[in-house]
């Protein structure tokens, strides 16, 4: 997804746990 971040037009909420050992923060 990061490859296309420049195309964002709408409303985006990003949520992440800082202690996520699986998908890192």
ModelCIF file with pLDDT and N, C-alpha, C, O atoms, coordinates in Angstrom:
data_MODEL
#
_entry.id   MODEL 
#
_entity.id                         1 
_entity.type                       polymer 
_entity.pdbx_number_of_molecules   1 
#
_entity_poly.entity_id                      1 
_entity_poly.type                           'polypeptide(L)' 
_entity_poly.nstd_linkage                   no 
_entity_poly.nstd_monomer                   no 
_entity_poly.pdbx_seq_one_letter_code       
;(UNK)(UNK)(UNK)(UNK)(UNK)(UNK)(UNK)(UNK)(UNK)(UNK)(UNK)(UNK)(UNK)(UNK)(UNK)(UNK)
(UNK)(UNK)(UNK)(UNK)(UNK)(UNK)(UNK)(UNK)(UNK)
;
_entity_poly.pdbx_seq_one_letter_code_can   XXXXXXXXXXXXXXXXXXXXXXXXX 
_entity_poly.pdbx_strand_id                 A 
#
loop_
_entity_poly_seq.entity_id 
_entity_poly_seq.num 
_entity_poly_seq.mon_id 
_entity_poly_seq.hetero 
1 1  UNK n 
1 2  UNK n 
1 3  UNK n 
1 4  UNK n 
1 5  UNK n 
1 6  UNK n 
1 7  UNK n 
1 8  UNK n 
1 9  UNK n 
1 10 UNK n 
1 11 UNK n 
1 12 UNK n 
1 13 UNK n 
1 14 UNK n 
1 15 UNK n 
1 16 UNK n 
1 17 UNK n 
1 18 UNK n 
1 19 UNK n 
1 20 UNK n 
1 21 UNK n 
1 22 UNK n 
1 23 UNK n 
1 24 UNK n 
1 25 UNK n 
#
_struct_asym.id          A 
_struct_asym.entity_id   1 
#
loop_
_ma_qa_metric.id 
_ma_qa_metric.mode 
_ma_qa_metric.name 
_ma_qa_metric.software_group_id 
_ma_qa_metric.type 
1 global pLDDT . pLDDT 
2 local  pLDDT . pLDDT 
#
_ma_qa_metric_global.metric_id      1 
_ma_qa_metric_global.metric_value   97.72 
_ma_qa_metric_global.model_id       1 
_ma_qa_metric_global.ordinal_id     1 
#
loop_
_ma_qa_metric_local.label_asym_id 
_ma_qa_metric_local.label_comp_id 
_ma_qa_metric_local.label_seq_id 
_ma_qa_metric_local.metric_id 
_ma_qa_metric_local.metric_value 
_ma_qa_metric_local.model_id 
_ma_qa_metric_local.ordinal_id 
A UNK 1  2 98.00 1 1  
A UNK 2  2 98.00 1 2  
A UNK 3  2 98.00 1 3  
A UNK 4  2 98.00 1 4  
A UNK 5  2 98.00 1 5  
A UNK 6  2 98.00 1 6  
A UNK 7  2 98.00 1 7  
A UNK 8  2 98.00 1 8  
A UNK 9  2 98.00 1 9  
A UNK 10 2 97.00 1 10 
A UNK 11 2 98.00 1 11 
A UNK 12 2 98.00 1 12 
A UNK 13 2 98.00 1 13 
A UNK 14 2 98.00 1 14 
A UNK 15 2 98.00 1 15 
A UNK 16 2 98.00 1 16 
A UNK 17 2 98.00 1 17 
A UNK 18 2 98.00 1 18 
A UNK 19 2 97.00 1 19 
A UNK 20 2 97.00 1 20 
A UNK 21 2 96.00 1 21 
A UNK 22 2 96.00 1 22 
A UNK 23 2 98.00 1 23 
A UNK 24 2 98.00 1 24 
A UNK 25 2 98.00 1 25 
#
loop_
_atom_site.group_PDB 
_atom_site.id 
_atom_site.type_symbol 
_atom_site.label_atom_id 
_atom_site.label_alt_id 
_atom_site.label_comp_id 
_atom_site.label_asym_id 
_atom_site.label_entity_id 
_atom_site.label_seq_id 
_atom_site.pdbx_PDB_ins_code 
_atom_site.Cartn_x 
_atom_site.Cartn_y 
_atom_site.Cartn_z 
_atom_site.occupancy 
_atom_site.B_iso_or_equiv 
_atom_site.pdbx_formal_charge 
_atom_site.auth_seq_id 
_atom_site.auth_comp_id 
_atom_site.auth_asym_id 
_atom_site.auth_atom_id 
_atom_site.pdbx_PDB_model_num 
ATOM 1   N N  . UNK A 1 1  ? 0.807   -1.236 0.000  1.00 98.00 ? 1  UNK A N  1 
ATOM 2   C CA . UNK A 1 1  ? 0.000   0.000  0.000  1.00 98.00 ? 1  UNK A CA 1 
ATOM 3   C C  . UNK A 1 1  ? 0.831   1.273  0.000  1.00 98.00 ? 1  UNK A C  1 
ATOM 4   O O  . UNK A 1 1  ? 0.423   2.282  -0.575 1.00 98.00 ? 1  UNK A O  1 
ATOM 5   N N  . UNK A 1 2  ? 1.998   1.234  0.643  1.00 98.00 ? 2  UNK A N  1 
ATOM 6   C CA . UNK A 1 2  ? 2.804   2.452  0.764  1.00 98.00 ? 2  UNK A CA 1 
ATOM 7   C C  . UNK A 1 2  ? 3.195   3.010  -0.598 1.00 98.00 ? 2  UNK A C  1 
ATOM 8   O O  . UNK A 1 2  ? 3.440   4.208  -0.739 1.00 98.00 ? 2  UNK A O  1 
ATOM 9   N N  . UNK A 1 3  ? 3.251   2.137  -1.598 1.00 98.00 ? 3  UNK A N  1 
ATOM 10  C CA . UNK A 1 3  ? 3.614   2.557  -2.951 1.00 98.00 ? 3  UNK A CA 1 
ATOM 11  C C  . UNK A 1 3  ? 2.606   3.553  -3.514 1.00 98.00 ? 3  UNK A C  1 
ATOM 12  O O  . UNK A 1 3  ? 2.960   4.399  -4.335 1.00 98.00 ? 3  UNK A O  1 
ATOM 13  N N  . UNK A 1 4  ? 1.363   3.457  -3.079 1.00 98.00 ? 4  UNK A N  1 
ATOM 14  C CA . UNK A 1 4  ? 0.287   4.259  -3.668 1.00 98.00 ? 4  UNK A CA 1 
ATOM 15  C C  . UNK A 1 4  ? -0.256  5.310  -2.708 1.00 98.00 ? 4  UNK A C  1 
ATOM 16  O O  . UNK A 1 4  ? -1.300  5.906  -2.975 1.00 98.00 ? 4  UNK A O  1 
ATOM 17  N N  . UNK A 1 5  ? 0.436   5.548  -1.594 1.00 98.00 ? 5  UNK A N  1 
ATOM 18  C CA . UNK A 1 5  ? -0.068  6.482  -0.580 1.00 98.00 ? 5  UNK A CA 1 
ATOM 19  C C  . UNK A 1 5  ? -0.298  7.878  -1.147 1.00 98.00 ? 5  UNK A C  1 
ATOM 20  O O  . UNK A 1 5  ? -1.162  8.612  -0.668 1.00 98.00 ? 5  UNK A O  1 
ATOM 21  N N  . UNK A 1 6  ? 0.465   8.238  -2.153 1.00 98.00 ? 6  UNK A N  1 
ATOM 22  C CA . UNK A 1 6  ? 0.334   9.574  -2.750 1.00 98.00 ? 6  UNK A CA 1 
ATOM 23  C C  . UNK A 1 6  ? -1.031  9.802  -3.389 1.00 98.00 ? 6  UNK A C  1 
ATOM 24  O O  . UNK A 1 6  ? -1.401  10.938 -3.684 1.00 98.00 ? 6  UNK A O  1 
ATOM 25  N N  . UNK A 1 7  ? -1.784  8.715  -3.604 1.00 98.00 ? 7  UNK A N  1 
ATOM 26  C CA . UNK A 1 7  ? -3.089  8.831  -4.272 1.00 98.00 ? 7  UNK A CA 1 
ATOM 27  C C  . UNK A 1 7  ? -4.249  9.063  -3.302 1.00 98.00 ? 7  UNK A C  1 
ATOM 28  O O  . UNK A 1 7  ? -5.398  9.164  -3.733 1.00 98.00 ? 7  UNK A O  1 
ATOM 29  N N  . UNK A 1 8  ? -3.971  9.148  -2.023 1.00 98.00 ? 8  UNK A N  1 
ATOM 30  C CA . UNK A 1 8  ? -5.052  9.312  -1.048 1.00 98.00 ? 8  UNK A CA 1 
ATOM 31  C C  . UNK A 1 8  ? -5.845  10.580 -1.316 1.00 98.00 ? 8  UNK A C  1 
ATOM 32  O O  . UNK A 1 8  ? -5.276  11.657 -1.494 1.00 98.00 ? 8  UNK A O  1 
ATOM 33  N N  . UNK A 1 9  ? -7.184  10.440 -1.342 1.00 98.00 ? 9  UNK A N  1 
ATOM 34  C CA . UNK A 1 9  ? -8.070  11.593 -1.495 1.00 98.00 ? 9  UNK A CA 1 
ATOM 35  C C  . UNK A 1 9  ? -9.091  11.688 -0.360 1.00 98.00 ? 9  UNK A C  1 
ATOM 36  O O  . UNK A 1 9  ? -9.554  12.782 -0.036 1.00 98.00 ? 9  UNK A O  1 
ATOM 37  N N  . UNK A 1 10 ? -9.444  10.554 0.244  1.00 97.00 ? 10 UNK A N  1 
ATOM 38  C CA . UNK A 1 10 ? -10.518 10.550 1.226  1.00 97.00 ? 10 UNK A CA 1 
ATOM 39  C C  . UNK A 1 10 ? -10.027 10.669 2.656  1.00 97.00 ? 10 UNK A C  1 
ATOM 40  O O  . UNK A 1 10 ? -8.918  11.132 2.922  1.00 97.00 ? 10 UNK A O  1 
ATOM 41  N N  . UNK A 1 11 ? -10.885 10.236 3.568  1.00 98.00 ? 11 UNK A N  1 
ATOM 42  C CA . UNK A 1 11 ? -10.615 10.307 5.003  1.00 98.00 ? 11 UNK A CA 1 
ATOM 43  C C  . UNK A 1 11 ? -9.999  8.985  5.450  1.00 98.00 ? 11 UNK A C  1 
ATOM 44  O O  . UNK A 1 11 ? -10.586 7.925  5.235  1.00 98.00 ? 11 UNK A O  1 
ATOM 45  N N  . UNK A 1 12 ? -8.825  9.038  6.068  1.00 98.00 ? 12 UNK A N  1 
ATOM 46  C CA . UNK A 1 12 ? -8.121  7.820  6.463  1.00 98.00 ? 12 UNK A CA 1 
ATOM 47  C C  . UNK A 1 12 ? -7.772  7.851  7.937  1.00 98.00 ? 12 UNK A C  1 
ATOM 48  O O  . UNK A 1 12 ? -7.146  8.794  8.422  1.00 98.00 ? 12 UNK A O  1 
ATOM 49  N N  . UNK A 1 13 ? -8.188  6.801  8.651  1.00 98.00 ? 13 UNK A N  1 
ATOM 50  C CA . UNK A 1 13 ? -7.813  6.595  10.050 1.00 98.00 ? 13 UNK A CA 1 
ATOM 51  C C  . UNK A 1 13 ? -6.875  5.394  10.116 1.00 98.00 ? 13 UNK A C  1 
ATOM 52  O O  . UNK A 1 13 ? -7.219  4.304  9.657  1.00 98.00 ? 13 UNK A O  1 
ATOM 53  N N  . UNK A 1 14 ? -5.694  5.595  10.686 1.00 98.00 ? 14 UNK A N  1 
ATOM 54  C CA . UNK A 1 14 ? -4.709  4.527  10.861 1.00 98.00 ? 14 UNK A CA 1 
ATOM 55  C C  . UNK A 1 14 ? -4.646  4.178  12.338 1.00 98.00 ? 14 UNK A C  1 
ATOM 56  O O  . UNK A 1 14 ? -4.457  5.060  13.176 1.00 98.00 ? 14 UNK A O  1 
ATOM 57  N N  . UNK A 1 15 ? -4.802  2.897  12.667 1.00 98.00 ? 15 UNK A N  1 
ATOM 58  C CA . UNK A 1 15 ? -4.789  2.424  14.053 1.00 98.00 ? 15 UNK A CA 1 
ATOM 59  C C  . UNK A 1 15 ? -3.748  1.319  14.178 1.00 98.00 ? 15 UNK A C  1 
ATOM 60  O O  . UNK A 1 15 ? -3.706  0.407  13.353 1.00 98.00 ? 15 UNK A O  1 
ATOM 61  N N  . UNK A 1 16 ? -2.910  1.398  15.209 1.00 98.00 ? 16 UNK A N  1 
ATOM 62  C CA . UNK A 1 16 ? -1.884  0.361  15.385 1.00 98.00 ? 16 UNK A CA 1 
ATOM 63  C C  . UNK A 1 16 ? -1.443  0.302  16.848 1.00 98.00 ? 16 UNK A C  1 
ATOM 64  O O  . UNK A 1 16 ? -1.340  1.331  17.515 1.00 98.00 ? 16 UNK A O  1 
ATOM 65  N N  . UNK A 1 17 ? -1.187  -0.906 17.335 1.00 98.00 ? 17 UNK A N  1 
ATOM 66  C CA . UNK A 1 17 ? -0.608  -1.082 18.662 1.00 98.00 ? 17 UNK A CA 1 
ATOM 67  C C  . UNK A 1 17 ? 0.898   -0.959 18.597 1.00 98.00 ? 17 UNK A C  1 
ATOM 68  O O  . UNK A 1 17 ? 1.530   -1.578 17.741 1.00 98.00 ? 17 UNK A O  1 
ATOM 69  N N  . UNK A 1 18 ? 1.482   -0.181 19.473 1.00 98.00 ? 18 UNK A N  1 
ATOM 70  C CA . UNK A 1 18 ? 2.936   0.009  19.427 1.00 98.00 ? 18 UNK A CA 1 
ATOM 71  C C  . UNK A 1 18 ? 3.685   -1.235 19.895 1.00 98.00 ? 18 UNK A C  1 
ATOM 72  O O  . UNK A 1 18 ? 4.885   -1.362 19.650 1.00 98.00 ? 18 UNK A O  1 
ATOM 73  N N  . UNK A 1 19 ? 2.984   -2.157 20.569 1.00 97.00 ? 19 UNK A N  1 
ATOM 74  C CA . UNK A 1 19 ? 3.604   -3.395 21.021 1.00 97.00 ? 19 UNK A CA 1 
ATOM 75  C C  . UNK A 1 19 ? 3.235   -4.577 20.146 1.00 97.00 ? 19 UNK A C  1 
ATOM 76  O O  . UNK A 1 19 ? 3.279   -5.720 20.602 1.00 97.00 ? 19 UNK A O  1 
ATOM 77  N N  . UNK A 1 20 ? 2.875   -4.325 18.909 1.00 97.00 ? 20 UNK A N  1 
ATOM 78  C CA . UNK A 1 20 ? 2.476   -5.381 17.982 1.00 97.00 ? 20 UNK A CA 1 
ATOM 79  C C  . UNK A 1 20 ? 3.718   -6.162 17.545 1.00 97.00 ? 20 UNK A C  1 
ATOM 80  O O  . UNK A 1 20 ? 4.531   -5.655 16.772 1.00 97.00 ? 20 UNK A O  1 
ATOM 81  N N  . UNK A 1 21 ? 3.864   -7.399 18.040 1.00 96.00 ? 21 UNK A N  1 
ATOM 82  C CA . UNK A 1 21 ? 5.027   -8.211 17.679 1.00 96.00 ? 21 UNK A CA 1 
ATOM 83  C C  . UNK A 1 21 ? 4.828   -8.933 16.350 1.00 96.00 ? 21 UNK A C  1 
ATOM 84  O O  . UNK A 1 21 ? 5.772   -9.518 15.819 1.00 96.00 ? 21 UNK A O  1 
ATOM 85  N N  . UNK A 1 22 ? 3.619   -8.898 15.808 1.00 96.00 ? 22 UNK A N  1 
ATOM 86  C CA . UNK A 1 22 ? 3.305   -9.573 14.558 1.00 96.00 ? 22 UNK A CA 1 
ATOM 87  C C  . UNK A 1 22 ? 3.476   -8.606 13.381 1.00 96.00 ? 22 UNK A C  1 
ATOM 88  O O  . UNK A 1 22 ? 4.396   -8.755 12.577 1.00 96.00 ? 22 UNK A O  1 
ATOM 89  N N  . UNK A 1 23 ? 2.592   -7.624 13.287 1.00 98.00 ? 23 UNK A N  1 
ATOM 90  C CA . UNK A 1 23 ? 2.709   -6.576 12.270 1.00 98.00 ? 23 UNK A CA 1 
ATOM 91  C C  . UNK A 1 23 ? 3.249   -5.337 12.984 1.00 98.00 ? 23 UNK A C  1 
ATOM 92  O O  . UNK A 1 23 ? 2.515   -4.664 13.709 1.00 98.00 ? 23 UNK A O  1 
ATOM 93  N N  . UNK A 1 24 ? 4.501   -5.046 12.785 1.00 98.00 ? 24 UNK A N  1 
ATOM 94  C CA . UNK A 1 24 ? 5.164   -4.050 13.610 1.00 98.00 ? 24 UNK A CA 1 
ATOM 95  C C  . UNK A 1 24 ? 4.632   -2.638 13.369 1.00 98.00 ? 24 UNK A C  1 
ATOM 96  O O  . UNK A 1 24 ? 4.274   -2.262 12.253 1.00 98.00 ? 24 UNK A O  1 
ATOM 97  N N  . UNK A 1 25 ? 4.595   -1.878 14.454 1.00 98.00 ? 25 UNK A N  1 
ATOM 98  C CA . UNK A 1 25 ? 4.193   -0.469 14.409 1.00 98.00 ? 25 UNK A CA 1 
ATOM 99  C C  . UNK A 1 25 ? 5.070   0.323  13.443 1.00 98.00 ? 25 UNK A C  1 
ATOM 100 O O  . UNK A 1 25 ? 4.876   1.527  13.278 1.00 98.00 ? 25 UNK A O  1 
#
